[in-house]
Amino acid sequence: MRILHFVRGWIIALLAVSALPCLAGDVAVLRNGFSIRHERREIVGDVTRLYTASDGSSFVDVPTGEIDHFEAAPELVAARSGNDLNPPPFAQNAKDRAPTFVAQSPVNLTDVVNEASGRYRLDPDLVSSVIKAESGFNSHAVSPKGARGLMQLMPGTASQLGVGNVFDPVANVEGGTKYLRELMERYDFDMVKALAAYNAGPQRVEQFGGVPPYYETRVYVARIVRDFNKKKIAQGKVVAGAKTSTPRVAGAKTKRQPATAKANPASGPKPKVSAVQASN
């Protein structure tokens, strides 16, 4: 009985620690080699919410099982390396005159998304939501149809966008964000149509005059709009008095929420979100 009480006590302690916020400037290293820098984190169901802004205005939900470990941000590690009492791993004593080995930092997905979004004047939260729906942040993801990488670019599309290595996170996000911007402009910043075209192709959107009657596409659009809206609700940036709603998918249970597509101030026209009715 004492052993059971002891084990139970440790489990409770571990759960309590996992619920505590992390130190500012931590990095979540994912199993696929990516890292997401964040100010704090919390576990919400089966996902870990990483707050990328100190005021909680922006966050990314990552499946907890996809996170390998957490570590201090590079600059914090660099600062600590100056402490003679706690030399960094792999560092040799100066008197030995041996070189200091510095581990290469994994790619910071937050920085990659922010840079590409700024370049093509899109909301980084939207790009992040697309990546989450497309690949679940897996840079080596390959779909049955052959789409590859974080933003699931087809070989032909990647070639047209000038993406040489679709599995390179920087190149993939660069190309995918550029393509998403082109679609937004093509459909007069109607975010739902642009997302549908990203998934099913512009030809299908024009053929059906909007979101095509494909279950996969409707679920895909609804998932991204819902995730995007969740972030905007947390930021308090939902458009007041919006008459629109998230896309409704036949057979799928979705909560009605005001859909917003507020882009970065520098992005020009604001994306428009229209209600989508699935045909039975």
Protein backbone atom coordinates (compact mmCIF):
# COMPACT_ATOMS: atom_id res chain seq x y z
CA MET A 1 0.00 0.00 0.00
CA ARG A 2 2.83 2.38 0.79
CA ILE A 3 4.27 1.77 -2.68
CA LEU A 4 0.92 2.54 -4.29
CA HIS A 5 0.61 5.77 -2.32
CA PHE A 6 4.17 6.69 -3.26
CA VAL A 7 3.56 6.07 -7.00
CA ARG A 8 0.27 7.91 -6.87
CA GLY A 9 1.95 10.86 -5.25
CA TRP A 10 4.58 11.02 -7.99
CA ILE A 11 1.92 10.87 -10.71
CA ILE A 12 0.02 13.76 -9.13
CA ALA A 13 3.25 15.73 -8.81
CA LEU A 14 4.12 15.15 -12.48
CA LEU A 15 0.67 16.22 -13.61
CA ALA A 16 0.93 19.36 -11.53
CA VAL A 17 4.31 20.22 -13.02
CA SER A 18 3.06 19.65 -16.59
CA ALA A 19 0.33 22.23 -16.02
CA LEU A 20 2.74 24.93 -14.96
CA PRO A 21 3.77 27.62 -17.49
CA CYS A 22 7.26 27.36 -18.91
CA LEU A 23 10.01 29.90 -18.55
CA ALA A 24 9.97 32.71 -21.09
CA GLY A 25 11.77 31.95 -24.29
CA ASP A 26 11.49 28.15 -24.26
CA VAL A 27 11.58 26.04 -27.41
CA ALA A 28 9.42 22.99 -28.12
CA VAL A 29 11.39 20.52 -30.23
CA LEU A 30 9.09 18.32 -32.30
CA ARG A 31 9.74 14.75 -33.36
CA ASN A 32 10.20 15.86 -36.98
CA GLY A 33 13.10 18.14 -36.02
CA PHE A 34 11.18 21.42 -36.00
CA SER A 35 11.18 23.75 -33.06
CA ILE A 36 8.53 26.24 -32.02
CA ARG A 37 9.60 29.04 -29.75
CA HIS A 38 7.03 30.11 -27.19
CA GLU A 39 6.66 32.21 -24.07
CA ARG A 40 4.52 29.74 -22.14
CA ARG A 41 2.53 26.56 -22.69
CA GLU A 42 -0.35 24.59 -21.29
CA ILE A 43 -1.90 21.20 -21.97
CA VAL A 44 -5.43 21.33 -23.40
CA GLY A 45 -6.84 17.85 -23.85
CA ASP A 46 -4.55 15.89 -26.15
CA VAL A 47 -2.73 18.96 -27.47
CA THR A 48 -0.15 21.30 -25.99
CA ARG A 49 -0.93 24.97 -26.57
CA LEU A 50 2.22 26.97 -27.24
CA TYR A 51 1.75 30.70 -26.72
CA THR A 52 4.12 32.49 -29.11
CA ALA A 53 3.30 35.92 -27.66
CA SER A 54 3.85 36.87 -24.04
CA ASP A 55 0.35 38.38 -23.77
CA GLY A 56 -1.28 35.19 -25.04
CA SER A 57 -2.51 36.86 -28.22
CA SER A 58 -1.08 34.17 -30.50
CA PHE A 59 -0.68 30.44 -30.03
CA VAL A 60 -0.21 27.14 -31.83
CA ASP A 61 -1.86 23.86 -30.81
CA VAL A 62 0.45 20.88 -31.33
CA PRO A 63 -0.46 17.25 -30.59
CA THR A 64 1.37 16.47 -27.36
CA GLY A 65 2.64 13.19 -28.76
CA GLU A 66 4.47 15.07 -31.53
CA ILE A 67 6.61 16.99 -29.03
CA ASP A 68 9.95 15.34 -28.30
CA HIS A 69 11.21 17.67 -25.58
CA PHE A 70 11.52 21.27 -24.42
CA GLU A 71 14.70 23.29 -24.12
CA ALA A 72 15.82 26.84 -23.45
CA ALA A 73 15.88 29.32 -26.32
CA PRO A 74 19.27 29.70 -28.08
CA GLU A 75 20.01 33.12 -26.59
CA LEU A 76 19.33 31.82 -23.09
CA VAL A 77 21.73 28.96 -23.69
CA ALA A 78 24.31 31.42 -24.98
CA ALA A 79 23.89 33.57 -21.90
CA ARG A 80 24.32 30.61 -19.61
CA SER A 81 27.44 29.50 -21.48
CA GLY A 82 29.24 32.54 -20.09
CA ASN A 83 28.94 31.19 -16.56
CA ASP A 84 32.22 29.53 -15.62
CA LEU A 85 30.51 27.54 -12.90
CA ASN A 86 28.14 25.93 -15.41
CA PRO A 87 29.94 25.45 -18.71
CA PRO A 88 27.74 24.38 -21.65
CA PRO A 89 27.73 20.76 -22.87
CA PHE A 90 30.51 19.85 -25.30
CA ALA A 91 32.57 22.90 -24.26
CA GLN A 92 36.23 22.26 -23.47
CA ASN A 93 38.38 24.09 -20.95
CA ALA A 94 40.12 27.12 -22.39
CA LYS A 95 43.51 25.86 -21.18
CA ASP A 96 43.12 22.81 -23.41
CA ARG A 97 42.77 25.20 -26.37
CA ALA A 98 40.29 22.80 -27.94
CA PRO A 99 37.44 24.11 -30.08
CA THR A 100 33.99 24.51 -28.57
CA PHE A 101 31.35 22.39 -30.28
CA VAL A 102 27.98 24.08 -30.64
CA ALA A 103 24.97 21.97 -31.50
CA GLN A 104 23.05 23.21 -34.54
CA SER A 105 19.68 24.65 -33.60
CA PRO A 106 16.63 23.11 -35.29
CA VAL A 107 14.54 25.23 -37.62
CA ASN A 108 12.23 27.60 -35.76
CA LEU A 109 8.88 27.16 -37.49
CA THR A 110 7.44 30.30 -35.92
CA ASP A 111 10.17 32.42 -37.50
CA VAL A 112 9.77 30.67 -40.86
CA VAL A 113 6.01 31.31 -40.90
CA ASN A 114 6.36 34.92 -39.76
CA GLU A 115 8.96 35.73 -42.39
CA ALA A 116 7.01 34.16 -45.26
CA SER A 117 3.72 35.71 -44.09
CA GLY A 118 5.29 39.15 -43.88
CA ARG A 119 6.78 38.80 -47.33
CA TYR A 120 3.44 37.88 -48.91
CA ARG A 121 1.27 40.00 -46.61
CA LEU A 122 -0.77 37.22 -45.07
CA ASP A 123 -1.77 36.67 -41.47
CA PRO A 124 0.75 34.23 -39.95
CA ASP A 125 -2.09 32.65 -37.94
CA LEU A 126 -3.77 31.71 -41.22
CA VAL A 127 -0.58 30.17 -42.64
CA SER A 128 -0.04 28.28 -39.38
CA SER A 129 -3.60 26.94 -39.48
CA VAL A 130 -3.08 25.75 -43.06
CA ILE A 131 0.14 23.96 -42.09
CA LYS A 132 -1.62 22.30 -39.16
CA ALA A 133 -4.43 21.04 -41.41
CA GLU A 134 -2.15 20.02 -44.26
CA SER A 135 0.64 18.15 -42.51
CA GLY A 136 0.27 18.44 -38.75
CA PHE A 137 3.67 20.23 -38.75
CA ASN A 138 5.37 17.20 -40.31
CA SER A 139 7.93 18.43 -42.84
CA HIS A 140 8.27 14.95 -44.37
CA ALA A 141 4.55 14.30 -44.79
CA VAL A 142 3.52 12.75 -48.12
CA SER A 143 -0.14 12.37 -49.06
CA PRO A 144 -1.54 9.44 -51.08
CA LYS A 145 -1.88 11.85 -54.02
CA GLY A 146 1.77 12.88 -53.82
CA ALA A 147 1.52 16.25 -52.03
CA ARG A 148 4.60 16.81 -49.92
CA GLY A 149 6.02 18.77 -47.04
CA LEU A 150 4.57 21.17 -44.52
CA MET A 151 2.12 22.86 -46.87
CA GLN A 152 1.60 19.73 -48.98
CA LEU A 153 2.75 21.03 -52.37
CA MET A 154 2.17 18.87 -55.41
CA PRO A 155 5.33 18.36 -57.52
CA GLY A 156 3.94 20.42 -60.42
CA THR A 157 2.87 23.28 -58.16
CA ALA A 158 6.20 23.22 -56.33
CA SER A 159 8.05 23.42 -59.65
CA GLN A 160 5.98 26.41 -60.79
CA LEU A 161 6.66 28.15 -57.48
CA GLY A 162 10.39 27.51 -57.76
CA VAL A 163 10.55 25.16 -54.76
CA GLY A 164 13.46 22.83 -55.42
CA ASN A 165 13.27 20.76 -52.24
CA VAL A 166 9.71 20.36 -50.98
CA PHE A 167 10.97 18.78 -47.77
CA ASP A 168 12.99 21.86 -46.88
CA PRO A 169 10.74 23.67 -44.37
CA VAL A 170 11.84 27.16 -45.38
CA ALA A 171 11.38 26.54 -49.11
CA ASN A 172 8.09 24.70 -48.62
CA VAL A 173 6.50 27.39 -46.43
CA GLU A 174 7.82 30.08 -48.77
CA GLY A 175 6.21 28.41 -51.78
CA GLY A 176 2.98 27.47 -50.02
CA THR A 177 2.50 30.97 -48.62
CA LYS A 178 3.15 32.51 -52.02
CA TYR A 179 0.60 30.18 -53.61
CA LEU A 180 -1.98 30.94 -50.90
CA ARG A 181 -1.49 34.67 -51.49
CA GLU A 182 -2.05 34.17 -55.23
CA LEU A 183 -5.29 32.33 -54.52
CA MET A 184 -6.47 35.03 -52.10
CA GLU A 185 -5.95 37.65 -54.80
CA ARG A 186 -7.61 35.45 -57.41
CA TYR A 187 -10.79 35.17 -55.34
CA ASP A 188 -10.87 38.79 -54.16
CA PHE A 189 -9.66 37.80 -50.68
CA ASP A 190 -12.53 35.38 -50.10
CA MET A 191 -10.69 33.11 -47.67
CA VAL A 192 -13.11 30.19 -47.98
CA LYS A 193 -12.78 30.02 -51.77
CA ALA A 194 -9.01 30.41 -51.55
CA LEU A 195 -8.73 27.55 -49.06
CA ALA A 196 -11.03 25.37 -51.15
CA ALA A 197 -8.86 26.06 -54.20
CA TYR A 198 -5.74 25.23 -52.19
CA ASN A 199 -7.24 21.84 -51.38
CA ALA A 200 -9.20 20.88 -54.51
CA GLY A 201 -7.66 23.15 -57.13
CA PRO A 202 -8.88 26.40 -58.71
CA GLN A 203 -10.51 24.49 -61.56
CA ARG A 204 -12.94 22.78 -59.20
CA VAL A 205 -13.82 26.03 -57.39
CA GLU A 206 -14.61 27.72 -60.70
CA GLN A 207 -16.45 24.66 -61.98
CA PHE A 208 -18.86 24.68 -59.03
CA GLY A 209 -18.89 28.44 -58.49
CA GLY A 210 -17.50 28.11 -54.97
CA VAL A 211 -16.53 25.32 -52.60
CA PRO A 212 -16.90 22.03 -54.51
CA PRO A 213 -19.27 19.41 -53.05
CA TYR A 214 -16.45 17.20 -51.82
CA TYR A 215 -16.63 16.03 -48.22
CA GLU A 216 -12.85 16.20 -47.85
CA THR A 217 -12.67 19.80 -49.09
CA ARG A 218 -15.55 20.99 -46.93
CA VAL A 219 -14.09 19.39 -43.81
CA TYR A 220 -10.70 20.85 -44.71
CA VAL A 221 -12.04 24.40 -45.09
CA ALA A 222 -14.12 24.14 -41.91
CA ARG A 223 -11.14 22.87 -39.91
CA ILE A 224 -8.89 25.76 -40.97
CA VAL A 225 -11.51 28.48 -40.49
CA ARG A 226 -12.40 27.08 -37.06
CA ASP A 227 -8.73 26.98 -35.99
CA PHE A 228 -8.10 30.46 -37.38
CA ASN A 229 -11.17 31.87 -35.63
CA LYS A 230 -10.12 30.27 -32.35
CA LYS A 231 -6.88 32.19 -32.49
CA LYS A 232 -8.63 35.44 -33.35
CA ILE A 233 -11.16 34.98 -30.57
CA ALA A 234 -8.27 34.54 -28.13
CA GLN A 235 -6.77 37.75 -29.51
CA GLY A 236 -10.08 39.61 -29.32
CA LYS A 237 -9.94 40.40 -33.02
CA VAL A 238 -13.20 38.88 -34.22
CA VAL A 239 -14.99 41.29 -36.53
CA ALA A 240 -17.85 42.81 -34.55
CA GLY A 241 -21.31 42.09 -35.90
CA ALA A 242 -20.09 39.56 -38.47
CA LYS A 243 -23.00 37.80 -40.15
CA THR A 244 -20.93 34.92 -41.44
CA SER A 245 -20.26 31.50 -39.98
CA THR A 246 -17.78 28.70 -40.29
CA PRO A 247 -18.31 26.34 -43.23
CA ARG A 248 -20.84 23.63 -42.41
CA VAL A 249 -20.07 20.11 -43.49
CA ALA A 250 -22.63 17.40 -43.97
CA GLY A 251 -22.20 14.77 -41.28
CA ALA A 252 -19.68 16.85 -39.32
CA LYS A 253 -20.47 18.52 -36.01
CA THR A 254 -19.10 22.05 -35.92
CA LYS A 255 -19.81 24.93 -33.59
CA ARG A 256 -21.17 28.09 -35.15
CA GLN A 257 -18.66 30.84 -34.62
CA PRO A 258 -18.26 34.27 -36.21
CA ALA A 259 -15.76 33.75 -38.98
CA THR A 260 -13.13 36.39 -39.36
CA ALA A 261 -10.33 36.70 -41.81
CA LYS A 262 -8.64 39.77 -40.52
CA ALA A 263 -5.20 39.89 -42.06
CA ASN A 264 -2.11 41.86 -41.12
CA PRO A 265 -2.59 45.63 -41.36
CA ALA A 266 -0.12 45.68 -44.23
CA SER A 267 -1.92 43.00 -46.19
CA GLY A 268 -4.20 45.37 -48.07
CA PRO A 269 -7.80 44.20 -48.59
CA LYS A 270 -9.21 42.11 -45.77
CA PRO A 271 -10.07 38.51 -46.67
CA LYS A 272 -13.76 37.75 -46.86
CA VAL A 273 -15.32 34.69 -45.29
CA SER A 274 -18.70 33.53 -46.58
CA ALA A 275 -20.99 30.88 -45.12
CA VAL A 276 -20.74 27.56 -46.91
CA GLN A 277 -23.73 25.21 -47.12
CA ALA A 278 -22.96 21.58 -47.85
CA SER A 279 -25.25 19.86 -50.27
CA ASN A 280 -26.69 16.55 -49.15
